[in-house]
Amino acid sequence: MAKTSPTNVVEAYRKQFDKDFTKLLVLRSHEMISGGHMILTFAGRSKPDPTSEHCCVMWELLAK
């Protein structure tokens, strides 16, 4: 996505993420034993704009 991406492109990415993440959780739930736990780690951002440079700090640190 870029700052010039139309809002429908941003929305399409969001919907695809929702679909993919839901599927991930459903499939992982079948792999877990009864009473098991799953730990999820999420990278967040301080601004709602997905094209903001604030969202990439972690990736820049990992690339070093």
PDB file of N, CA and C in Angstrom:
ATOM      1  N   MET A   1       0.830  -1.175   0.000  1.00  0.00           N
ATOM      2  CA  MET A   1       0.000   0.000   0.000  1.00  0.00           C
ATOM      3  C   MET A   1       0.879   1.244   0.000  1.00  0.00           C
ATOM      4  N   ALA A   2       0.370   2.270  -0.574  1.00  0.00           N
ATOM      5  CA  ALA A   2       1.077   3.537  -0.626  1.00  0.00           C
ATOM      6  C   ALA A   2       0.115   4.658  -0.252  1.00  0.00           C
ATOM      7  N   LYS A   3       0.658   5.810   0.018  1.00  0.00           N
ATOM      8  CA  LYS A   3      -0.196   6.954   0.361  1.00  0.00           C
ATOM      9  C   LYS A   3      -1.192   7.268  -0.751  1.00  0.00           C
ATOM     10  N   THR A   4      -0.859   6.900  -1.981  1.00  0.00           N
ATOM     11  CA  THR A   4      -1.743   7.188  -3.112  1.00  0.00           C
ATOM     12  C   THR A   4      -2.733   6.056  -3.397  1.00  0.00           C
ATOM     13  N   SER A   5      -2.676   4.971  -2.628  1.00  0.00           N
ATOM     14  CA  SER A   5      -3.605   3.855  -2.849  1.00  0.00           C
ATOM     15  C   SER A   5      -5.032   4.299  -2.570  1.00  0.00           C
ATOM     16  N   PRO A   6      -5.965   3.913  -3.437  1.00  0.00           N
ATOM     17  CA  PRO A   6      -7.371   4.258  -3.194  1.00  0.00           C
ATOM     18  C   PRO A   6      -7.885   3.553  -1.934  1.00  0.00           C
ATOM     19  N   THR A   7      -8.891   4.119  -1.313  1.00  0.00           N
ATOM     20  CA  THR A   7      -9.424   3.540  -0.072  1.00  0.00           C
ATOM     21  C   THR A   7      -9.937   2.120  -0.277  1.00  0.00           C
ATOM     22  N   ASN A   8     -10.421   1.800  -1.482  1.00  0.00           N
ATOM     23  CA  ASN A   8     -10.906   0.434  -1.702  1.00  0.00           C
ATOM     24  C   ASN A   8      -9.753  -0.582  -1.669  1.00  0.00           C
ATOM     25  N   VAL A   9      -8.542  -0.162  -2.020  1.00  0.00           N
ATOM     26  CA  VAL A   9      -7.375  -1.053  -1.941  1.00  0.00           C
ATOM     27  C   VAL A   9      -7.024  -1.312  -0.474  1.00  0.00           C
ATOM     28  N   VAL A  10      -7.027  -0.259   0.322  1.00  0.00           N
ATOM     29  CA  VAL A  10      -6.755  -0.398   1.757  1.00  0.00           C
ATOM     30  C   VAL A  10      -7.806  -1.304   2.394  1.00  0.00           C
ATOM     31  N   GLU A  11      -9.048  -1.111   2.045  1.00  0.00           N
ATOM     32  CA  GLU A  11     -10.137  -1.943   2.576  1.00  0.00           C
ATOM     33  C   GLU A  11      -9.986  -3.395   2.125  1.00  0.00           C
ATOM     34  N   ALA A  12      -9.565  -3.617   0.899  1.00  0.00           N
ATOM     35  CA  ALA A  12      -9.356  -4.980   0.402  1.00  0.00           C
ATOM     36  C   ALA A  12      -8.258  -5.689   1.202  1.00  0.00           C
ATOM     37  N   TYR A  13      -7.182  -4.975   1.512  1.00  0.00           N
ATOM     38  CA  TYR A  13      -6.113  -5.545   2.340  1.00  0.00           C
ATOM     39  C   TYR A  13      -6.630  -5.900   3.725  1.00  0.00           C
ATOM     40  N   ARG A  14      -7.444  -5.003   4.310  1.00  0.00           N
ATOM     41  CA  ARG A  14      -7.993  -5.267   5.646  1.00  0.00           C
ATOM     42  C   ARG A  14      -8.891  -6.496   5.652  1.00  0.00           C
ATOM     43  N   LYS A  15      -9.752  -6.595   4.647  1.00  0.00           N
ATOM     44  CA  LYS A  15     -10.652  -7.745   4.569  1.00  0.00           C
ATOM     45  C   LYS A  15      -9.871  -9.047   4.375  1.00  0.00           C
ATOM     46  N   GLN A  16      -8.823  -9.001   3.546  1.00  0.00           N
ATOM     47  CA  GLN A  16      -8.010 -10.198   3.328  1.00  0.00           C
ATOM     48  C   GLN A  16      -7.281 -10.590   4.608  1.00  0.00           C
ATOM     49  N   PHE A  17      -6.782  -9.595   5.352  1.00  0.00           N
ATOM     50  CA  PHE A  17      -6.145  -9.893   6.632  1.00  0.00           C
ATOM     51  C   PHE A  17      -7.131 -10.561   7.582  1.00  0.00           C
ATOM     52  N   ASP A  18      -8.342 -10.013   7.685  1.00  0.00           N
ATOM     53  CA  ASP A  18      -9.361 -10.603   8.558  1.00  0.00           C
ATOM     54  C   ASP A  18      -9.608 -12.060   8.187  1.00  0.00           C
ATOM     55  N   LYS A  19      -9.747 -12.327   6.904  1.00  0.00           N
ATOM     56  CA  LYS A  19     -10.012 -13.678   6.426  1.00  0.00           C
ATOM     57  C   LYS A  19      -8.834 -14.607   6.739  1.00  0.00           C
ATOM     58  N   ASP A  20      -7.627 -14.152   6.427  1.00  0.00           N
ATOM     59  CA  ASP A  20      -6.437 -14.972   6.649  1.00  0.00           C
ATOM     60  C   ASP A  20      -6.185 -15.234   8.132  1.00  0.00           C
ATOM     61  N   PHE A  21      -6.356 -14.209   8.962  1.00  0.00           N
ATOM     62  CA  PHE A  21      -6.085 -14.366  10.388  1.00  0.00           C
ATOM     63  C   PHE A  21      -7.117 -15.282  11.039  1.00  0.00           C
ATOM     64  N   THR A  22      -8.363 -15.155  10.629  1.00  0.00           N
ATOM     65  CA  THR A  22      -9.395 -16.053  11.143  1.00  0.00           C
ATOM     66  C   THR A  22      -9.073 -17.499  10.781  1.00  0.00           C
ATOM     67  N   LYS A  23      -8.658 -17.719   9.547  1.00  0.00           N
ATOM     68  CA  LYS A  23      -8.306 -19.077   9.113  1.00  0.00           C
ATOM     69  C   LYS A  23      -7.113 -19.604   9.906  1.00  0.00           C
ATOM     70  N   LEU A  24      -6.107 -18.760  10.140  1.00  0.00           N
ATOM     71  CA  LEU A  24      -4.954 -19.162  10.940  1.00  0.00           C
ATOM     72  C   LEU A  24      -5.396 -19.632  12.323  1.00  0.00           C
ATOM     73  N   LEU A  25      -6.258 -18.856  12.971  1.00  0.00           N
ATOM     74  CA  LEU A  25      -6.702 -19.221  14.313  1.00  0.00           C
ATOM     75  C   LEU A  25      -7.505 -20.514  14.312  1.00  0.00           C
ATOM     76  N   VAL A  26      -8.366 -20.683  13.334  1.00  0.00           N
ATOM     77  CA  VAL A  26      -9.167 -21.908  13.254  1.00  0.00           C
ATOM     78  C   VAL A  26      -8.261 -23.125  13.043  1.00  0.00           C
ATOM     79  N   LEU A  27      -7.328 -23.023  12.102  1.00  0.00           N
ATOM     80  CA  LEU A  27      -6.438 -24.150  11.824  1.00  0.00           C
ATOM     81  C   LEU A  27      -5.525 -24.465  13.003  1.00  0.00           C
ATOM     82  N   ARG A  28      -4.996 -23.447  13.657  1.00  0.00           N
ATOM     83  CA  ARG A  28      -4.131 -23.691  14.825  1.00  0.00           C
ATOM     84  C   ARG A  28      -4.924 -24.305  15.964  1.00  0.00           C
ATOM     85  N   SER A  29      -6.196 -23.950  16.095  1.00  0.00           N
ATOM     86  CA  SER A  29      -7.006 -24.519  17.174  1.00  0.00           C
ATOM     87  C   SER A  29      -7.162 -26.023  17.011  1.00  0.00           C
ATOM     88  N   HIS A  30      -7.141 -26.511  15.772  1.00  0.00           N
ATOM     89  CA  HIS A  30      -7.238 -27.956  15.537  1.00  0.00           C
ATOM     90  C   HIS A  30      -5.939 -28.674  15.902  1.00  0.00           C
ATOM     91  N   GLU A  31      -4.829 -27.957  15.897  1.00  0.00           N
ATOM     92  CA  GLU A  31      -3.531 -28.551  16.211  1.00  0.00           C
ATOM     93  C   GLU A  31      -3.242 -28.600  17.709  1.00  0.00           C
ATOM     94  N   MET A  32      -3.977 -27.814  18.471  1.00  0.00           N
ATOM     95  CA  MET A  32      -3.689 -27.707  19.900  1.00  0.00           C
ATOM     96  C   MET A  32      -4.349 -28.822  20.697  1.00  0.00           C
ATOM     97  N   ILE A  33      -3.691 -29.169  21.805  1.00  0.00           N
ATOM     98  CA  ILE A  33      -4.288 -30.149  22.705  1.00  0.00           C
ATOM     99  C   ILE A  33      -5.320 -29.452  23.576  1.00  0.00           C
ATOM    100  N   SER A  34      -6.222 -30.215  24.133  1.00  0.00           N
ATOM    101  CA  SER A  34      -7.243 -29.657  25.004  1.00  0.00           C
ATOM    102  C   SER A  34      -6.581 -28.960  26.189  1.00  0.00           C
ATOM    103  N   GLY A  35      -6.979 -27.742  26.457  1.00  0.00           N
ATOM    104  CA  GLY A  35      -6.413 -26.972  27.561  1.00  0.00           C
ATOM    105  C   GLY A  35      -5.091 -26.297  27.221  1.00  0.00           C
ATOM    106  N   GLY A  36      -4.637 -26.446  25.953  1.00  0.00           N
ATOM    107  CA  GLY A  36      -3.381 -25.833  25.538  1.00  0.00           C
ATOM    108  C   GLY A  36      -3.506 -24.320  25.402  1.00  0.00           C
ATOM    109  N   HIS A  37      -2.375 -23.674  25.271  1.00  0.00           N
ATOM    110  CA  HIS A  37      -2.334 -22.218  25.145  1.00  0.00           C
ATOM    111  C   HIS A  37      -1.567 -21.827  23.890  1.00  0.00           C
ATOM    112  N   MET A  38      -1.911 -20.687  23.359  1.00  0.00           N
ATOM    113  CA  MET A  38      -1.193 -20.132  22.216  1.00  0.00           C
ATOM    114  C   MET A  38      -0.844 -18.682  22.566  1.00  0.00           C
ATOM    115  N   ILE A  39       0.390 -18.317  22.300  1.00  0.00           N
ATOM    116  CA  ILE A  39       0.828 -16.943  22.542  1.00  0.00           C
ATOM    117  C   ILE A  39       0.984 -16.250  21.197  1.00  0.00           C
ATOM    118  N   LEU A  40       0.367 -15.097  21.057  1.00  0.00           N
ATOM    119  CA  LEU A  40       0.460 -14.301  19.830  1.00  0.00           C
ATOM    120  C   LEU A  40       1.170 -12.994  20.142  1.00  0.00           C
ATOM    121  N   THR A  41       2.046 -12.591  19.265  1.00  0.00           N
ATOM    122  CA  THR A  41       2.745 -11.322  19.406  1.00  0.00           C
ATOM    123  C   THR A  41       2.400 -10.453  18.208  1.00  0.00           C
ATOM    124  N   PHE A  42       2.010  -9.225  18.470  1.00  0.00           N
ATOM    125  CA  PHE A  42       1.611  -8.312  17.401  1.00  0.00           C
ATOM    126  C   PHE A  42       2.491  -7.070  17.402  1.00  0.00           C
ATOM    127  N   ALA A  43       2.841  -6.641  16.223  1.00  0.00           N
ATOM    128  CA  ALA A  43       3.517  -5.357  16.074  1.00  0.00           C
ATOM    129  C   ALA A  43       2.442  -4.302  15.881  1.00  0.00           C
ATOM    130  N   GLY A  44       2.496  -3.257  16.665  1.00  0.00           N
ATOM    131  CA  GLY A  44       1.504  -2.192  16.550  1.00  0.00           C
ATOM    132  C   GLY A  44       2.122  -0.948  15.948  1.00  0.00           C
ATOM    133  N   ARG A  45       1.303   0.024  15.755  1.00  0.00           N
ATOM    134  CA  ARG A  45       1.791   1.310  15.252  1.00  0.00           C
ATOM    135  C   ARG A  45       1.088   2.425  16.029  1.00  0.00           C
ATOM    136  N   SER A  46       1.740   3.570  16.081  1.00  0.00           N
ATOM    137  CA  SER A  46       1.205   4.683  16.859  1.00  0.00           C
ATOM    138  C   SER A  46       0.242   5.553  16.061  1.00  0.00           C
ATOM    139  N   LYS A  47       0.169   5.339  14.766  1.00  0.00           N
ATOM    140  CA  LYS A  47      -0.709   6.139  13.904  1.00  0.00           C
ATOM    141  C   LYS A  47      -1.648   5.191  13.139  1.00  0.00           C
ATOM    142  N   PRO A  48      -2.898   5.597  12.913  1.00  0.00           N
ATOM    143  CA  PRO A  48      -3.829   4.725  12.196  1.00  0.00           C
ATOM    144  C   PRO A  48      -3.530   4.594  10.703  1.00  0.00           C
ATOM    145  N   ASP A  49      -2.742   5.498  10.158  1.00  0.00           N
ATOM    146  CA  ASP A  49      -2.428   5.482   8.732  1.00  0.00           C
ATOM    147  C   ASP A  49      -1.467   4.327   8.421  1.00  0.00           C
ATOM    148  N   PRO A  50      -1.889   3.317   7.642  1.00  0.00           N
ATOM    149  CA  PRO A  50      -1.017   2.172   7.361  1.00  0.00           C
ATOM    150  C   PRO A  50       0.189   2.521   6.499  1.00  0.00           C
ATOM    151  N   THR A  51       0.205   3.697   5.899  1.00  0.00           N
ATOM    152  CA  THR A  51       1.352   4.097   5.080  1.00  0.00           C
ATOM    153  C   THR A  51       2.326   4.974   5.864  1.00  0.00           C
ATOM    154  N   SER A  52       2.024   5.213   7.135  1.00  0.00           N
ATOM    155  CA  SER A  52       2.899   6.027   7.968  1.00  0.00           C
ATOM    156  C   SER A  52       4.243   5.333   8.173  1.00  0.00           C
ATOM    157  N   GLU A  53       5.304   6.105   8.226  1.00  0.00           N
ATOM    158  CA  GLU A  53       6.632   5.539   8.445  1.00  0.00           C
ATOM    159  C   GLU A  53       6.784   4.966   9.853  1.00  0.00           C
ATOM    160  N   HIS A  54       5.889   5.308  10.767  1.00  0.00           N
ATOM    161  CA  HIS A  54       5.977   4.810  12.130  1.00  0.00           C
ATOM    162  C   HIS A  54       5.728   3.314  12.217  1.00  0.00           C
ATOM    163  N   CYS A  55       5.130   2.727  11.205  1.00  0.00           N
ATOM    164  CA  CYS A  55       4.827   1.291  11.255  1.00  0.00           C
ATOM    165  C   CYS A  55       6.027   0.428  10.887  1.00  0.00           C
ATOM    166  N   CYS A  56       7.073   1.008  10.384  1.00  0.00           N
ATOM    167  CA  CYS A  56       8.187   0.219   9.840  1.00  0.00           C
ATOM    168  C   CYS A  56       9.408   0.178  10.735  1.00  0.00           C
ATOM    169  N   VAL A  57       9.371   0.801  11.889  1.00  0.00           N
ATOM    170  CA  VAL A  57      10.545   0.873  12.759  1.00  0.00           C
ATOM    171  C   VAL A  57      11.036  -0.525  13.139  1.00  0.00           C
ATOM    172  N   MET A  58      10.107  -1.406  13.506  1.00  0.00           N
ATOM    173  CA  MET A  58      10.508  -2.749  13.916  1.00  0.00           C
ATOM    174  C   MET A  58      11.222  -3.478  12.780  1.00  0.00           C
ATOM    175  N   TRP A  59      10.725  -3.375  11.569  1.00  0.00           N
ATOM    176  CA  TRP A  59      11.345  -4.065  10.436  1.00  0.00           C
ATOM    177  C   TRP A  59      12.724  -3.503  10.159  1.00  0.00           C
ATOM    178  N   GLU A  60      12.889  -2.194  10.351  1.00  0.00           N
ATOM    179  CA  GLU A  60      14.201  -1.591  10.152  1.00  0.00           C
ATOM    180  C   GLU A  60      15.192  -2.107  11.189  1.00  0.00           C
ATOM    181  N   LEU A  61      14.731  -2.281  12.427  1.00  0.00           N
ATOM    182  CA  LEU A  61      15.593  -2.815  13.476  1.00  0.00           C
ATOM    183  C   LEU A  61      15.974  -4.263  13.188  1.00  0.00           C
ATOM    184  N   LEU A  62      15.023  -5.046  12.715  1.00  0.00           N
ATOM    185  CA  LEU A  62      15.306  -6.453  12.400  1.00  0.00           C
ATOM    186  C   LEU A  62      16.252  -6.602  11.216  1.00  0.00           C
ATOM    187  N   ALA A  63      16.239  -5.633  10.327  1.00  0.00           N
ATOM    188  CA  ALA A  63      17.077  -5.709   9.119  1.00  0.00           C
ATOM    189  C   ALA A  63      18.545  -5.429   9.416  1.00  0.00           C
ATOM    190  N   LYS A  64      18.823  -4.861  10.586  1.00  0.00           N
ATOM    191  CA  LYS A  64      20.225  -4.510  10.910  1.00  0.00           C
ATOM    192  C   LYS A  64      21.029  -5.734  11.289  1.00  0.00           C
TER     193      LYS A  64
END
